[in-house]
Amino acid sequence: MNSSGGSALIMSSETSLLIVDDDIEMTDSLCDILEDSGYDVEVAADGFKAMERVKARAFDAILMDIKMPGINGVKTYKEIKVIRPEAAVMMMTARVVVIARPPTAMPSKMAIIEPGAVM
């Protein structure tokens, strides 16, 4: 449990990660760094491939870009949570992203995600 009462993901060399991003250079760099650190890493270039991989196996954590062609990261996240509700998904972005929220979710109707943010 972490200090806020939720469970914390503890990373170890046996940790399996799925990186979902259409930016090949970013994916290659992140994959190299994580594999050099001993993590078991798989890559998906889009949301559809990510869903296929998640159906085939459980991952300890999924690092996913928000802005992708075809099906974006937010929609992919929702589909992954249907397939594997326990999946730990971290959203990443290199761009400013504005997401419309239902009025009941936040006092304001928009959430702005800054470049480089991890949610």
PDB file of N, CA and C in Angstrom:
ATOM      1  N   MET A   1       0.842  -1.177   0.000  1.00  0.00           N
ATOM      2  CA  MET A   1       0.000   0.000   0.000  1.00  0.00           C
ATOM      3  C   MET A   1       0.888   1.241   0.000  1.00  0.00           C
ATOM      4  N   ASN A   2       0.476   2.239  -0.746  1.00  0.00           N
ATOM      5  CA  ASN A   2       1.210   3.493  -0.705  1.00  0.00           C
ATOM      6  C   ASN A   2       0.583   4.417   0.322  1.00  0.00           C
ATOM      7  N   SER A   3       1.157   5.618   0.479  1.00  0.00           N
ATOM      8  CA  SER A   3       0.693   6.517   1.531  1.00  0.00           C
ATOM      9  C   SER A   3      -0.746   6.979   1.344  1.00  0.00           C
ATOM     10  N   SER A   4      -1.269   6.904   0.110  1.00  0.00           N
ATOM     11  CA  SER A   4      -2.649   7.332  -0.114  1.00  0.00           C
ATOM     12  C   SER A   4      -3.642   6.190   0.056  1.00  0.00           C
ATOM     13  N   GLY A   5      -3.138   5.008   0.443  1.00  0.00           N
ATOM     14  CA  GLY A   5      -4.027   3.890   0.692  1.00  0.00           C
ATOM     15  C   GLY A   5      -4.173   2.940  -0.474  1.00  0.00           C
ATOM     16  N   GLY A   6      -3.660   3.307  -1.664  1.00  0.00           N
ATOM     17  CA  GLY A   6      -3.730   2.430  -2.834  1.00  0.00           C
ATOM     18  C   GLY A   6      -2.539   1.506  -2.870  1.00  0.00           C
ATOM     19  N   SER A   7      -2.599   0.504  -3.710  1.00  0.00           N
ATOM     20  CA  SER A   7      -1.470  -0.399  -3.816  1.00  0.00           C
ATOM     21  C   SER A   7      -0.443   0.189  -4.782  1.00  0.00           C
ATOM     22  N   ALA A   8       0.816  -0.002  -4.473  1.00  0.00           N
ATOM     23  CA  ALA A   8       1.909   0.523  -5.297  1.00  0.00           C
ATOM     24  C   ALA A   8       2.469  -0.606  -6.156  1.00  0.00           C
ATOM     25  N   LEU A   9       2.854  -0.282  -7.386  1.00  0.00           N
ATOM     26  CA  LEU A   9       3.482  -1.239  -8.270  1.00  0.00           C
ATOM     27  C   LEU A   9       4.964  -1.262  -7.956  1.00  0.00           C
ATOM     28  N   ILE A  10       5.477  -2.403  -7.555  1.00  0.00           N
ATOM     29  CA  ILE A  10       6.890  -2.550  -7.250  1.00  0.00           C
ATOM     30  C   ILE A  10       7.555  -3.180  -8.461  1.00  0.00           C
ATOM     31  N   MET A  11       8.521  -2.467  -9.041  1.00  0.00           N
ATOM     32  CA  MET A  11       9.195  -2.926 -10.243  1.00  0.00           C
ATOM     33  C   MET A  11      10.388  -3.800  -9.854  1.00  0.00           C
ATOM     34  N   SER A  12      10.542  -4.918 -10.550  1.00  0.00           N
ATOM     35  CA  SER A  12      11.695  -5.791 -10.349  1.00  0.00           C
ATOM     36  C   SER A  12      12.173  -6.256 -11.713  1.00  0.00           C
ATOM     37  N   SER A  13      13.285  -6.984 -11.723  1.00  0.00           N
ATOM     38  CA  SER A  13      13.844  -7.429 -12.999  1.00  0.00           C
ATOM     39  C   SER A  13      12.930  -8.431 -13.704  1.00  0.00           C
ATOM     40  N   GLU A  14      11.969  -9.021 -12.995  1.00  0.00           N
ATOM     41  CA  GLU A  14      11.024  -9.944 -13.620  1.00  0.00           C
ATOM     42  C   GLU A  14       9.763  -9.232 -14.112  1.00  0.00           C
ATOM     43  N   THR A  15       9.709  -7.955 -13.942  1.00  0.00           N
ATOM     44  CA  THR A  15       8.530  -7.186 -14.315  1.00  0.00           C
ATOM     45  C   THR A  15       8.340  -7.177 -15.825  1.00  0.00           C
ATOM     46  N   SER A  16       7.127  -7.494 -16.267  1.00  0.00           N
ATOM     47  CA  SER A  16       6.820  -7.464 -17.702  1.00  0.00           C
ATOM     48  C   SER A  16       6.119  -6.153 -18.032  1.00  0.00           C
ATOM     49  N   LEU A  17       6.608  -5.516 -19.091  1.00  0.00           N
ATOM     50  CA  LEU A  17       6.087  -4.217 -19.503  1.00  0.00           C
ATOM     51  C   LEU A  17       5.657  -4.269 -20.950  1.00  0.00           C
ATOM     52  N   LEU A  18       4.585  -3.545 -21.251  1.00  0.00           N
ATOM     53  CA  LEU A  18       4.154  -3.345 -22.629  1.00  0.00           C
ATOM     54  C   LEU A  18       4.242  -1.858 -22.915  1.00  0.00           C
ATOM     55  N   ILE A  19       4.989  -1.499 -23.960  1.00  0.00           N
ATOM     56  CA  ILE A  19       5.095  -0.114 -24.391  1.00  0.00           C
ATOM     57  C   ILE A  19       4.218   0.042 -25.627  1.00  0.00           C
ATOM     58  N   VAL A  20       3.305   1.005 -25.594  1.00  0.00           N
ATOM     59  CA  VAL A  20       2.383   1.248 -26.706  1.00  0.00           C
ATOM     60  C   VAL A  20       2.609   2.675 -27.194  1.00  0.00           C
ATOM     61  N   ASP A  21       3.179   2.805 -28.389  1.00  0.00           N
ATOM     62  CA  ASP A  21       3.472   4.124 -28.935  1.00  0.00           C
ATOM     63  C   ASP A  21       3.736   3.988 -30.423  1.00  0.00           C
ATOM     64  N   ASP A  22       3.228   4.919 -31.220  1.00  0.00           N
ATOM     65  CA  ASP A  22       3.460   4.893 -32.661  1.00  0.00           C
ATOM     66  C   ASP A  22       4.766   5.578 -33.048  1.00  0.00           C
ATOM     67  N   ASP A  23       5.431   6.239 -32.108  1.00  0.00           N
ATOM     68  CA  ASP A  23       6.717   6.888 -32.354  1.00  0.00           C
ATOM     69  C   ASP A  23       7.823   5.851 -32.192  1.00  0.00           C
ATOM     70  N   ILE A  24       8.341   5.363 -33.311  1.00  0.00           N
ATOM     71  CA  ILE A  24       9.313   4.264 -33.289  1.00  0.00           C
ATOM     72  C   ILE A  24      10.586   4.638 -32.546  1.00  0.00           C
ATOM     73  N   GLU A  25      11.069   5.863 -32.728  1.00  0.00           N
ATOM     74  CA  GLU A  25      12.293   6.283 -32.040  1.00  0.00           C
ATOM     75  C   GLU A  25      12.092   6.292 -30.528  1.00  0.00           C
ATOM     76  N   MET A  26      10.960   6.814 -30.082  1.00  0.00           N
ATOM     77  CA  MET A  26      10.661   6.840 -28.650  1.00  0.00           C
ATOM     78  C   MET A  26      10.548   5.415 -28.101  1.00  0.00           C
ATOM     79  N   THR A  27       9.833   4.578 -28.826  1.00  0.00           N
ATOM     80  CA  THR A  27       9.637   3.202 -28.398  1.00  0.00           C
ATOM     81  C   THR A  27      10.963   2.452 -28.321  1.00  0.00           C
ATOM     82  N   ASP A  28      11.799   2.598 -29.361  1.00  0.00           N
ATOM     83  CA  ASP A  28      13.102   1.924 -29.369  1.00  0.00           C
ATOM     84  C   ASP A  28      13.966   2.376 -28.196  1.00  0.00           C
ATOM     85  N   SER A  29      14.000   3.682 -27.945  1.00  0.00           N
ATOM     86  CA  SER A  29      14.813   4.216 -26.843  1.00  0.00           C
ATOM     87  C   SER A  29      14.331   3.700 -25.492  1.00  0.00           C
ATOM     88  N   LEU A  30      13.032   3.806 -25.271  1.00  0.00           N
ATOM     89  CA  LEU A  30      12.464   3.357 -24.000  1.00  0.00           C
ATOM     90  C   LEU A  30      12.656   1.855 -23.813  1.00  0.00           C
ATOM     91  N   CYS A  31      12.449   1.101 -24.883  1.00  0.00           N
ATOM     92  CA  CYS A  31      12.629  -0.350 -24.838  1.00  0.00           C
ATOM     93  C   CYS A  31      14.078  -0.706 -24.492  1.00  0.00           C
ATOM     94  N   ASP A  32      15.037  -0.054 -25.149  1.00  0.00           N
ATOM     95  CA  ASP A  32      16.459  -0.320 -24.882  1.00  0.00           C
ATOM     96  C   ASP A  32      16.818  -0.037 -23.431  1.00  0.00           C
ATOM     97  N   ILE A  33      16.362   1.099 -22.917  1.00  0.00           N
ATOM     98  CA  ILE A  33      16.662   1.464 -21.534  1.00  0.00           C
ATOM     99  C   ILE A  33      16.089   0.442 -20.561  1.00  0.00           C
ATOM    100  N   LEU A  34      14.833   0.063 -20.771  1.00  0.00           N
ATOM    101  CA  LEU A  34      14.183  -0.878 -19.851  1.00  0.00           C
ATOM    102  C   LEU A  34      14.755  -2.285 -19.961  1.00  0.00           C
ATOM    103  N   GLU A  35      15.045  -2.737 -21.181  1.00  0.00           N
ATOM    104  CA  GLU A  35      15.653  -4.061 -21.343  1.00  0.00           C
ATOM    105  C   GLU A  35      17.056  -4.102 -20.742  1.00  0.00           C
ATOM    106  N   ASP A  36      17.819  -3.012 -20.908  1.00  0.00           N
ATOM    107  CA  ASP A  36      19.151  -2.942 -20.298  1.00  0.00           C
ATOM    108  C   ASP A  36      19.078  -2.989 -18.779  1.00  0.00           C
ATOM    109  N   SER A  37      17.949  -2.566 -18.230  1.00  0.00           N
ATOM    110  CA  SER A  37      17.731  -2.610 -16.784  1.00  0.00           C
ATOM    111  C   SER A  37      17.171  -3.957 -16.329  1.00  0.00           C
ATOM    112  N   GLY A  38      16.958  -4.877 -17.279  1.00  0.00           N
ATOM    113  CA  GLY A  38      16.530  -6.225 -16.932  1.00  0.00           C
ATOM    114  C   GLY A  38      15.037  -6.499 -17.015  1.00  0.00           C
ATOM    115  N   TYR A  39      14.270  -5.559 -17.524  1.00  0.00           N
ATOM    116  CA  TYR A  39      12.826  -5.763 -17.631  1.00  0.00           C
ATOM    117  C   TYR A  39      12.476  -6.572 -18.876  1.00  0.00           C
ATOM    118  N   ASP A  40      11.386  -7.309 -18.786  1.00  0.00           N
ATOM    119  CA  ASP A  40      10.835  -8.065 -19.912  1.00  0.00           C
ATOM    120  C   ASP A  40       9.893  -7.116 -20.651  1.00  0.00           C
ATOM    121  N   VAL A  41      10.295  -6.678 -21.855  1.00  0.00           N
ATOM    122  CA  VAL A  41       9.564  -5.629 -22.560  1.00  0.00           C
ATOM    123  C   VAL A  41       9.011  -6.128 -23.886  1.00  0.00           C
ATOM    124  N   GLU A  42       7.751  -5.811 -24.139  1.00  0.00           N
ATOM    125  CA  GLU A  42       7.135  -6.015 -25.451  1.00  0.00           C
ATOM    126  C   GLU A  42       6.659  -4.664 -25.948  1.00  0.00           C
ATOM    127  N   VAL A  43       6.521  -4.537 -27.266  1.00  0.00           N
ATOM    128  CA  VAL A  43       6.146  -3.275 -27.885  1.00  0.00           C
ATOM    129  C   VAL A  43       4.938  -3.483 -28.787  1.00  0.00           C
ATOM    130  N   ALA A  44       4.052  -2.504 -28.785  1.00  0.00           N
ATOM    131  CA  ALA A  44       2.923  -2.462 -29.718  1.00  0.00           C
ATOM    132  C   ALA A  44       2.917  -1.068 -30.341  1.00  0.00           C
ATOM    133  N   ALA A  45       2.829  -1.008 -31.674  1.00  0.00           N
ATOM    134  CA  ALA A  45       2.905   0.269 -32.388  1.00  0.00           C
ATOM    135  C   ALA A  45       1.572   1.015 -32.430  1.00  0.00           C
ATOM    136  N   ASP A  46       0.487   0.355 -32.008  1.00  0.00           N
ATOM    137  CA  ASP A  46      -0.813   1.033 -31.987  1.00  0.00           C
ATOM    138  C   ASP A  46      -1.736   0.346 -30.988  1.00  0.00           C
ATOM    139  N   GLY A  47      -2.895   0.958 -30.788  1.00  0.00           N
ATOM    140  CA  GLY A  47      -3.846   0.439 -29.807  1.00  0.00           C
ATOM    141  C   GLY A  47      -4.388  -0.933 -30.137  1.00  0.00           C
ATOM    142  N   PHE A  48      -4.597  -1.207 -31.424  1.00  0.00           N
ATOM    143  CA  PHE A  48      -5.131  -2.515 -31.815  1.00  0.00           C
ATOM    144  C   PHE A  48      -4.138  -3.636 -31.496  1.00  0.00           C
ATOM    145  N   LYS A  49      -2.846  -3.386 -31.793  1.00  0.00           N
ATOM    146  CA  LYS A  49      -1.820  -4.384 -31.474  1.00  0.00           C
ATOM    147  C   LYS A  49      -1.671  -4.539 -29.961  1.00  0.00           C
ATOM    148  N   ALA A  50      -1.830  -3.443 -29.237  1.00  0.00           N
ATOM    149  CA  ALA A  50      -1.754  -3.520 -27.770  1.00  0.00           C
ATOM    150  C   ALA A  50      -2.850  -4.422 -27.214  1.00  0.00           C
ATOM    151  N   MET A  51      -4.065  -4.265 -27.725  1.00  0.00           N
ATOM    152  CA  MET A  51      -5.172  -5.100 -27.251  1.00  0.00           C
ATOM    153  C   MET A  51      -4.921  -6.573 -27.556  1.00  0.00           C
ATOM    154  N   GLU A  52      -4.340  -6.872 -28.724  1.00  0.00           N
ATOM    155  CA  GLU A  52      -4.000  -8.262 -29.058  1.00  0.00           C
ATOM    156  C   GLU A  52      -3.007  -8.832 -28.046  1.00  0.00           C
ATOM    157  N   ARG A  53      -1.982  -8.039 -27.715  1.00  0.00           N
ATOM    158  CA  ARG A  53      -0.964  -8.513 -26.778  1.00  0.00           C
ATOM    159  C   ARG A  53      -1.539  -8.698 -25.374  1.00  0.00           C
ATOM    160  N   VAL A  54      -2.428  -7.794 -24.970  1.00  0.00           N
ATOM    161  CA  VAL A  54      -3.038  -7.883 -23.641  1.00  0.00           C
ATOM    162  C   VAL A  54      -3.976  -9.091 -23.558  1.00  0.00           C
ATOM    163  N   LYS A  55      -4.630  -9.432 -24.658  1.00  0.00           N
ATOM    164  CA  LYS A  55      -5.468 -10.641 -24.675  1.00  0.00           C
ATOM    165  C   LYS A  55      -4.605 -11.891 -24.528  1.00  0.00           C
ATOM    166  N   ALA A  56      -3.401 -11.850 -25.094  1.00  0.00           N
ATOM    167  CA  ALA A  56      -2.513 -13.010 -25.087  1.00  0.00           C
ATOM    168  C   ALA A  56      -1.785 -13.206 -23.763  1.00  0.00           C
ATOM    169  N   ARG A  57      -1.531 -12.111 -23.033  1.00  0.00           N
ATOM    170  CA  ARG A  57      -0.781 -12.241 -21.778  1.00  0.00           C
ATOM    171  C   ARG A  57      -1.012 -11.048 -20.883  1.00  0.00           C
ATOM    172  N   ALA A  58      -0.847 -11.258 -19.606  1.00  0.00           N
ATOM    173  CA  ALA A  58      -0.947 -10.172 -18.626  1.00  0.00           C
ATOM    174  C   ALA A  58       0.419  -9.502 -18.492  1.00  0.00           C
ATOM    175  N   PHE A  59       0.420  -8.196 -18.350  1.00  0.00           N
ATOM    176  CA  PHE A  59       1.640  -7.427 -18.131  1.00  0.00           C
ATOM    177  C   PHE A  59       1.564  -6.795 -16.758  1.00  0.00           C
ATOM    178  N   ASP A  60       2.731  -6.616 -16.131  1.00  0.00           N
ATOM    179  CA  ASP A  60       2.761  -5.953 -14.828  1.00  0.00           C
ATOM    180  C   ASP A  60       2.430  -4.470 -14.965  1.00  0.00           C
ATOM    181  N   ALA A  61       2.834  -3.872 -16.088  1.00  0.00           N
ATOM    182  CA  ALA A  61       2.530  -2.455 -16.330  1.00  0.00           C
ATOM    183  C   ALA A  61       2.509  -2.200 -17.827  1.00  0.00           C
ATOM    184  N   ILE A  62       1.677  -1.250 -18.223  1.00  0.00           N
ATOM    185  CA  ILE A  62       1.569  -0.846 -19.624  1.00  0.00           C
ATOM    186  C   ILE A  62       1.845   0.647 -19.686  1.00  0.00           C
ATOM    187  N   LEU A  63       2.819   1.040 -20.514  1.00  0.00           N
ATOM    188  CA  LEU A  63       3.153   2.447 -20.744  1.00  0.00           C
ATOM    189  C   LEU A  63       2.571   2.810 -22.091  1.00  0.00           C
ATOM    190  N   MET A  64       1.612   3.738 -22.125  1.00  0.00           N
ATOM    191  CA  MET A  64       0.883   3.989 -23.361  1.00  0.00           C
ATOM    192  C   MET A  64       0.804   5.468 -23.711  1.00  0.00           C
ATOM    193  N   ASP A  65       1.119   5.752 -24.977  1.00  0.00           N
ATOM    194  CA  ASP A  65       0.979   7.096 -25.512  1.00  0.00           C
ATOM    195  C   ASP A  65      -0.506   7.422 -25.633  1.00  0.00           C
ATOM    196  N   ILE A  66      -0.841   8.686 -25.479  1.00  0.00           N
ATOM    197  CA  ILE A  66      -2.236   9.107 -25.606  1.00  0.00           C
ATOM    198  C   ILE A  66      -2.599   9.339 -27.068  1.00  0.00           C
ATOM    199  N   LYS A  67      -1.747  10.052 -27.791  1.00  0.00           N
ATOM    200  CA  LYS A  67      -2.026  10.407 -29.189  1.00  0.00           C
ATOM    201  C   LYS A  67      -1.432   9.356 -30.116  1.00  0.00           C
ATOM    202  N   MET A  68      -2.316   8.555 -30.723  1.00  0.00           N
ATOM    203  CA  MET A  68      -1.899   7.542 -31.697  1.00  0.00           C
ATOM    204  C   MET A  68      -2.938   7.500 -32.806  1.00  0.00           C
ATOM    205  N   PRO A  69      -2.515   7.157 -34.022  1.00  0.00           N
ATOM    206  CA  PRO A  69      -3.489   7.032 -35.110  1.00  0.00           C
ATOM    207  C   PRO A  69      -4.358   5.786 -34.935  1.00  0.00           C
ATOM    208  N   GLY A  70      -5.482   5.773 -35.595  1.00  0.00           N
ATOM    209  CA  GLY A  70      -6.377   4.609 -35.517  1.00  0.00           C
ATOM    210  C   GLY A  70      -7.240   4.690 -34.279  1.00  0.00           C
ATOM    211  N   ILE A  71      -6.753   4.137 -33.203  1.00  0.00           N
ATOM    212  CA  ILE A  71      -7.448   4.196 -31.908  1.00  0.00           C
ATOM    213  C   ILE A  71      -6.487   4.856 -30.925  1.00  0.00           C
ATOM    214  N   ASN A  72      -6.922   5.942 -30.302  1.00  0.00           N
ATOM    215  CA  ASN A  72      -6.012   6.671 -29.417  1.00  0.00           C
ATOM    216  C   ASN A  72      -5.806   5.941 -28.094  1.00  0.00           C
ATOM    217  N   GLY A  73      -4.894   6.468 -27.288  1.00  0.00           N
ATOM    218  CA  GLY A  73      -4.550   5.830 -26.028  1.00  0.00           C
ATOM    219  C   GLY A  73      -5.678   5.776 -25.022  1.00  0.00           C
ATOM    220  N   VAL A  74      -6.524   6.789 -25.005  1.00  0.00           N
ATOM    221  CA  VAL A  74      -7.636   6.796 -24.045  1.00  0.00           C
ATOM    222  C   VAL A  74      -8.633   5.686 -24.382  1.00  0.00           C
ATOM    223  N   LYS A  75      -8.991   5.554 -25.654  1.00  0.00           N
ATOM    224  CA  LYS A  75      -9.905   4.478 -26.060  1.00  0.00           C
ATOM    225  C   LYS A  75      -9.262   3.106 -25.847  1.00  0.00           C
ATOM    226  N   THR A  76      -7.965   3.007 -26.162  1.00  0.00           N
ATOM    227  CA  THR A  76      -7.248   1.741 -25.952  1.00  0.00           C
ATOM    228  C   THR A  76      -7.237   1.379 -24.475  1.00  0.00           C
ATOM    229  N   TYR A  77      -6.996   2.374 -23.610  1.00  0.00           N
ATOM    230  CA  TYR A  77      -7.018   2.159 -22.163  1.00  0.00           C
ATOM    231  C   TYR A  77      -8.356   1.551 -21.735  1.00  0.00           C
ATOM    232  N   LYS A  78      -9.440   2.137 -22.206  1.00  0.00           N
ATOM    233  CA  LYS A  78     -10.769   1.644 -21.832  1.00  0.00           C
ATOM    234  C   LYS A  78     -10.978   0.197 -22.286  1.00  0.00           C
ATOM    235  N   GLU A  79     -10.524  -0.134 -23.478  1.00  0.00           N
ATOM    236  CA  GLU A  79     -10.655  -1.504 -23.991  1.00  0.00           C
ATOM    237  C   GLU A  79      -9.782  -2.473 -23.196  1.00  0.00           C
ATOM    238  N   ILE A  80      -8.570  -2.054 -22.866  1.00  0.00           N
ATOM    239  CA  ILE A  80      -7.669  -2.904 -22.080  1.00  0.00           C
ATOM    240  C   ILE A  80      -8.270  -3.187 -20.712  1.00  0.00           C
ATOM    241  N   LYS A  81      -8.906  -2.179 -20.100  1.00  0.00           N
ATOM    242  CA  LYS A  81      -9.513  -2.383 -18.784  1.00  0.00           C
ATOM    243  C   LYS A  81     -10.703  -3.346 -18.839  1.00  0.00           C
ATOM    244  N   VAL A  82     -11.350  -3.471 -20.000  1.00  0.00           N
ATOM    245  CA  VAL A  82     -12.406  -4.474 -20.173  1.00  0.00           C
ATOM    246  C   VAL A  82     -11.773  -5.864 -20.259  1.00  0.00           C
ATOM    247  N   ILE A  83     -10.672  -5.959 -21.008  1.00  0.00           N
ATOM    248  CA  ILE A  83      -9.985  -7.242 -21.195  1.00  0.00           C
ATOM    249  C   ILE A  83      -9.334  -7.692 -19.895  1.00  0.00           C
ATOM    250  N   ARG A  84      -8.610  -6.784 -19.256  1.00  0.00           N
ATOM    251  CA  ARG A  84      -7.891  -7.082 -18.009  1.00  0.00           C
ATOM    252  C   ARG A  84      -8.097  -5.924 -17.029  1.00  0.00           C
ATOM    253  N   PRO A  85      -9.159  -5.989 -16.235  1.00  0.00           N
ATOM    254  CA  PRO A  85      -9.465  -4.884 -15.312  1.00  0.00           C
ATOM    255  C   PRO A  85      -8.336  -4.572 -14.333  1.00  0.00           C
ATOM    256  N   GLU A  86      -7.499  -5.546 -14.033  1.00  0.00           N
ATOM    257  CA  GLU A  86      -6.415  -5.352 -13.074  1.00  0.00           C
ATOM    258  C   GLU A  86      -5.185  -4.678 -13.681  1.00  0.00           C
ATOM    259  N   ALA A  87      -5.184  -4.444 -14.985  1.00  0.00           N
ATOM    260  CA  ALA A  87      -4.010  -3.896 -15.672  1.00  0.00           C
ATOM    261  C   ALA A  87      -3.623  -2.521 -15.121  1.00  0.00           C
ATOM    262  N   ALA A  88      -2.321  -2.349 -14.865  1.00  0.00           N
ATOM    263  CA  ALA A  88      -1.781  -1.045 -14.453  1.00  0.00           C
ATOM    264  C   ALA A  88      -1.326  -0.329 -15.716  1.00  0.00           C
ATOM    265  N   VAL A  89      -1.985   0.782 -16.043  1.00  0.00           N
ATOM    266  CA  VAL A  89      -1.699   1.504 -17.279  1.00  0.00           C
ATOM    267  C   VAL A  89      -1.237   2.914 -16.935  1.00  0.00           C
ATOM    268  N   MET A  90      -0.090   3.300 -17.467  1.00  0.00           N
ATOM    269  CA  MET A  90       0.439   4.649 -17.298  1.00  0.00           C
ATOM    270  C   MET A  90       0.379   5.341 -18.646  1.00  0.00           C
ATOM    271  N   MET A  91      -0.321   6.453 -18.692  1.00  0.00           N
ATOM    272  CA  MET A  91      -0.461   7.214 -19.930  1.00  0.00           C
ATOM    273  C   MET A  91       0.695   8.196 -20.050  1.00  0.00           C
ATOM    274  N   MET A  92       1.241   8.300 -21.276  1.00  0.00           N
ATOM    275  CA  MET A  92       2.363   9.208 -21.538  1.00  0.00           C
ATOM    276  C   MET A  92       1.989  10.120 -22.701  1.00  0.00           C
ATOM    277  N   THR A  93       2.608  11.291 -22.725  1.00  0.00           N
ATOM    278  CA  THR A  93       2.432  12.163 -23.873  1.00  0.00           C
ATOM    279  C   THR A  93       3.623  13.096 -24.006  1.00  0.00           C
ATOM    280  N   ALA A  94       3.926  13.450 -25.235  1.00  0.00           N
ATOM    281  CA  ALA A  94       4.955  14.449 -25.509  1.00  0.00           C
ATOM    282  C   ALA A  94       4.297  15.735 -25.985  1.00  0.00           C
ATOM    283  N   ARG A  95       2.979  15.768 -26.005  1.00  0.00           N
ATOM    284  CA  ARG A  95       2.216  16.918 -26.498  1.00  0.00           C
ATOM    285  C   ARG A  95       1.237  17.400 -25.444  1.00  0.00           C
ATOM    286  N   VAL A  96       0.733  18.596 -25.636  1.00  0.00           N
ATOM    287  CA  VAL A  96      -0.361  19.079 -24.785  1.00  0.00           C
ATOM    288  C   VAL A  96      -1.626  18.410 -25.295  1.00  0.00           C
ATOM    289  N   VAL A  97      -2.379  17.808 -24.390  1.00  0.00           N
ATOM    290  CA  VAL A  97      -3.608  17.112 -24.749  1.00  0.00           C
ATOM    291  C   VAL A  97      -4.725  17.666 -23.877  1.00  0.00           C
ATOM    292  N   VAL A  98      -5.841  17.993 -24.499  1.00  0.00           N
ATOM    293  CA  VAL A  98      -7.012  18.439 -23.753  1.00  0.00           C
ATOM    294  C   VAL A  98      -8.060  17.339 -23.858  1.00  0.00           C
ATOM    295  N   ILE A  99      -8.525  16.864 -22.717  1.00  0.00           N
ATOM    296  CA  ILE A  99      -9.499  15.782 -22.674  1.00  0.00           C
ATOM    297  C   ILE A  99     -10.789  16.330 -22.068  1.00  0.00           C
ATOM    298  N   ALA A 100     -11.889  16.169 -22.773  1.00  0.00           N
ATOM    299  CA  ALA A 100     -13.189  16.580 -22.236  1.00  0.00           C
ATOM    300  C   ALA A 100     -13.605  15.581 -21.169  1.00  0.00           C
ATOM    301  N   ARG A 101     -14.083  16.073 -20.060  1.00  0.00           N
ATOM    302  CA  ARG A 101     -14.522  15.217 -18.958  1.00  0.00           C
ATOM    303  C   ARG A 101     -16.001  15.448 -18.695  1.00  0.00           C
ATOM    304  N   PRO A 102     -16.714  14.427 -18.248  1.00  0.00           N
ATOM    305  CA  PRO A 102     -18.104  14.656 -17.855  1.00  0.00           C
ATOM    306  C   PRO A 102     -18.148  15.618 -16.670  1.00  0.00           C
ATOM    307  N   PRO A 103     -19.181  16.431 -16.562  1.00  0.00           N
ATOM    308  CA  PRO A 103     -19.257  17.427 -15.484  1.00  0.00           C
ATOM    309  C   PRO A 103     -19.139  16.825 -14.090  1.00  0.00           C
ATOM    310  N   THR A 104     -19.553  15.580 -13.909  1.00  0.00           N
ATOM    311  CA  THR A 104     -19.494  14.967 -12.588  1.00  0.00           C
ATOM    312  C   THR A 104     -18.094  14.509 -12.221  1.00  0.00           C
ATOM    313  N   ALA A 105     -17.184  14.390 -13.208  1.00  0.00           N
ATOM    314  CA  ALA A 105     -15.844  13.874 -12.938  1.00  0.00           C
ATOM    315  C   ALA A 105     -14.935  14.926 -12.320  1.00  0.00           C
ATOM    316  N   MET A 106     -15.099  16.170 -12.719  1.00  0.00           N
ATOM    317  CA  MET A 106     -14.224  17.236 -12.237  1.00  0.00           C
ATOM    318  C   MET A 106     -15.035  18.523 -12.156  1.00  0.00           C
ATOM    319  N   PRO A 107     -14.594  19.467 -11.309  1.00  0.00           N
ATOM    320  CA  PRO A 107     -15.284  20.757 -11.287  1.00  0.00           C
ATOM    321  C   PRO A 107     -15.243  21.442 -12.647  1.00  0.00           C
ATOM    322  N   SER A 108     -14.103  21.368 -13.353  1.00  0.00           N
ATOM    323  CA  SER A 108     -14.038  21.930 -14.695  1.00  0.00           C
ATOM    324  C   SER A 108     -14.329  20.810 -15.690  1.00  0.00           C
ATOM    325  N   LYS A 109     -14.731  21.155 -16.894  1.00  0.00           N
ATOM    326  CA  LYS A 109     -15.089  20.143 -17.877  1.00  0.00           C
ATOM    327  C   LYS A 109     -13.910  19.707 -18.734  1.00  0.00           C
ATOM    328  N   MET A 110     -12.731  20.287 -18.525  1.00  0.00           N
ATOM    329  CA  MET A 110     -11.570  19.951 -19.328  1.00  0.00           C
ATOM    330  C   MET A 110     -10.389  19.627 -18.420  1.00  0.00           C
ATOM    331  N   ALA A 111      -9.596  18.689 -18.855  1.00  0.00           N
ATOM    332  CA  ALA A 111      -8.343  18.379 -18.172  1.00  0.00           C
ATOM    333  C   ALA A 111      -7.231  18.607 -19.181  1.00  0.00           C
ATOM    334  N   ILE A 112      -6.209  19.315 -18.789  1.00  0.00           N
ATOM    335  CA  ILE A 112      -5.087  19.570 -19.690  1.00  0.00           C
ATOM    336  C   ILE A 112      -3.899  18.762 -19.203  1.00  0.00           C
ATOM    337  N   ILE A 113      -3.312  17.999 -20.119  1.00  0.00           N
ATOM    338  CA  ILE A 113      -2.154  17.187 -19.805  1.00  0.00           C
ATOM    339  C   ILE A 113      -0.958  17.852 -20.468  1.00  0.00           C
ATOM    340  N   GLU A 114       0.039  18.195 -19.701  1.00  0.00           N
ATOM    341  CA  GLU A 114       1.214  18.900 -20.208  1.00  0.00           C
ATOM    342  C   GLU A 114       2.182  17.930 -20.878  1.00  0.00           C
ATOM    343  N   PRO A 115       3.035  18.444 -21.817  1.00  0.00           N
ATOM    344  CA  PRO A 115       4.033  17.602 -22.476  1.00  0.00           C
ATOM    345  C   PRO A 115       4.923  16.895 -21.455  1.00  0.00           C
ATOM    346  N   GLY A 116       5.209  15.625 -21.710  1.00  0.00           N
ATOM    347  CA  GLY A 116       6.057  14.836 -20.845  1.00  0.00           C
ATOM    348  C   GLY A 116       5.356  14.279 -19.620  1.00  0.00           C
ATOM    349  N   ALA A 117       4.072  14.539 -19.483  1.00  0.00           N
ATOM    350  CA  ALA A 117       3.329  14.081 -18.316  1.00  0.00           C
ATOM    351  C   ALA A 117       3.127  12.575 -18.346  1.00  0.00           C
ATOM    352  N   VAL A 118       3.125  11.984 -17.175  1.00  0.00           N
ATOM    353  CA  VAL A 118       2.755  10.580 -17.004  1.00  0.00           C
ATOM    354  C   VAL A 118       1.586  10.567 -16.056  1.00  0.00           C
ATOM    355  N   MET A 119       0.462   9.975 -16.490  1.00  0.00           N
ATOM    356  CA  MET A 119      -0.741   9.958 -15.648  1.00  0.00           C
ATOM    357  C   MET A 119      -0.899   8.598 -15.010  1.00  0.00           C
TER     358      MET A 119
END
